[in-house]
Amino acid sequence: MSESEHTADVTVDARGSACPGPLMDLIGKVKSVDEGTVVELLTGDEGSKNDVPEWVEEAGHDLLGIVDEGDYYALYVKKT
């Protein structure tokens, strides 16, 4: 695993799940955590790179970054 500049408070491992699974898992987790929590979503689904930023903007949270880990992506979302 590569080093990331982001530190997650909680991780949602949705690797192996197809769209819209990773996004739905992320939404469920974000709803259950406190404001200011950084949620890391691990996903191999290419669509998540587009779906998650769109949802984050609509929901008013902060997308901290997307890291390509080779065979999956790590997306970092801060609940606001």
Protein backbone atom coordinates (compact mmCIF):
# COMPACT_ATOMS: atom_id res chain seq x y z
CA MET A 1 0.00 0.00 0.00
CA SER A 2 1.31 3.42 -0.88
CA GLU A 3 1.65 6.25 1.58
CA SER A 4 -1.15 8.79 1.44
CA GLU A 5 -1.19 12.34 2.75
CA HIS A 6 -4.70 11.67 4.07
CA THR A 7 -5.45 10.06 7.40
CA ALA A 8 -8.80 8.33 7.63
CA ASP A 9 -10.83 8.04 10.80
CA VAL A 10 -12.85 5.17 9.33
CA THR A 11 -12.48 2.94 6.26
CA VAL A 12 -15.19 1.50 4.02
CA ASP A 13 -13.77 -1.43 2.05
CA ALA A 14 -16.01 -1.79 -1.00
CA ARG A 15 -13.44 -3.54 -3.19
CA GLY A 16 -15.19 -6.20 -5.23
CA SER A 17 -18.49 -4.33 -5.16
CA ALA A 18 -19.91 -2.99 -8.43
CA CYS A 19 -21.59 0.36 -9.00
CA PRO A 20 -23.58 1.71 -7.23
CA GLY A 21 -22.46 -0.42 -4.25
CA PRO A 22 -19.35 1.56 -3.26
CA LEU A 23 -21.22 4.86 -3.35
CA MET A 24 -24.14 3.44 -1.35
CA ASP A 25 -21.70 2.03 1.24
CA LEU A 26 -19.99 5.43 1.50
CA ILE A 27 -23.27 7.31 1.87
CA GLY A 28 -24.37 4.96 4.65
CA LYS A 29 -21.12 5.39 6.53
CA VAL A 30 -21.03 9.19 6.14
CA LYS A 31 -24.56 9.41 7.54
CA SER A 32 -23.48 7.47 10.65
CA VAL A 33 -20.35 9.47 11.57
CA ASP A 34 -19.83 12.85 13.23
CA GLU A 35 -19.04 16.07 11.38
CA GLY A 36 -15.32 16.39 10.69
CA THR A 37 -14.80 12.63 10.31
CA VAL A 38 -12.64 11.55 7.37
CA VAL A 39 -13.99 8.46 5.63
CA GLU A 40 -11.76 6.43 3.32
CA LEU A 41 -13.53 4.47 0.57
CA LEU A 42 -11.58 1.62 -1.00
CA THR A 43 -13.02 0.61 -4.37
CA GLY A 44 -11.99 -1.12 -7.56
CA ASP A 45 -14.96 0.34 -9.43
CA GLU A 46 -13.86 2.88 -12.06
CA GLY A 47 -17.23 4.64 -11.87
CA SER A 48 -16.59 5.63 -8.26
CA LYS A 49 -13.98 8.16 -9.42
CA ASN A 50 -16.85 10.12 -11.01
CA ASP A 51 -19.82 9.14 -8.83
CA VAL A 52 -18.25 9.95 -5.46
CA PRO A 53 -17.08 13.50 -6.32
CA GLU A 54 -20.52 14.29 -7.77
CA TRP A 55 -22.28 13.04 -4.63
CA VAL A 56 -19.82 14.80 -2.30
CA GLU A 57 -20.48 18.12 -4.05
CA GLU A 58 -24.26 17.65 -3.97
CA ALA A 59 -24.20 16.59 -0.31
CA GLY A 60 -21.93 19.46 0.73
CA HIS A 61 -19.02 17.40 2.07
CA ASP A 62 -15.32 17.75 1.17
CA LEU A 63 -13.46 15.46 -1.22
CA LEU A 64 -9.91 15.44 0.14
CA GLY A 65 -8.42 13.30 -2.59
CA ILE A 66 -8.40 10.23 -4.79
CA VAL A 67 -5.36 7.96 -4.65
CA ASP A 68 -4.71 5.32 -7.32
CA GLU A 69 -3.36 2.33 -5.41
CA GLY A 70 -2.85 0.25 -8.56
CA ASP A 71 -5.63 -2.33 -8.40
CA TYR A 72 -8.06 -0.13 -6.47
CA TYR A 73 -8.72 3.50 -5.53
CA ALA A 74 -8.77 5.17 -2.13
CA LEU A 75 -11.14 8.13 -1.95
CA TYR A 76 -11.11 10.43 1.07
CA VAL A 77 -14.24 12.30 2.11
CA LYS A 78 -14.59 14.65 5.07
CA LYS A 79 -18.09 15.01 6.48
CA THR A 80 -19.10 18.65 6.89
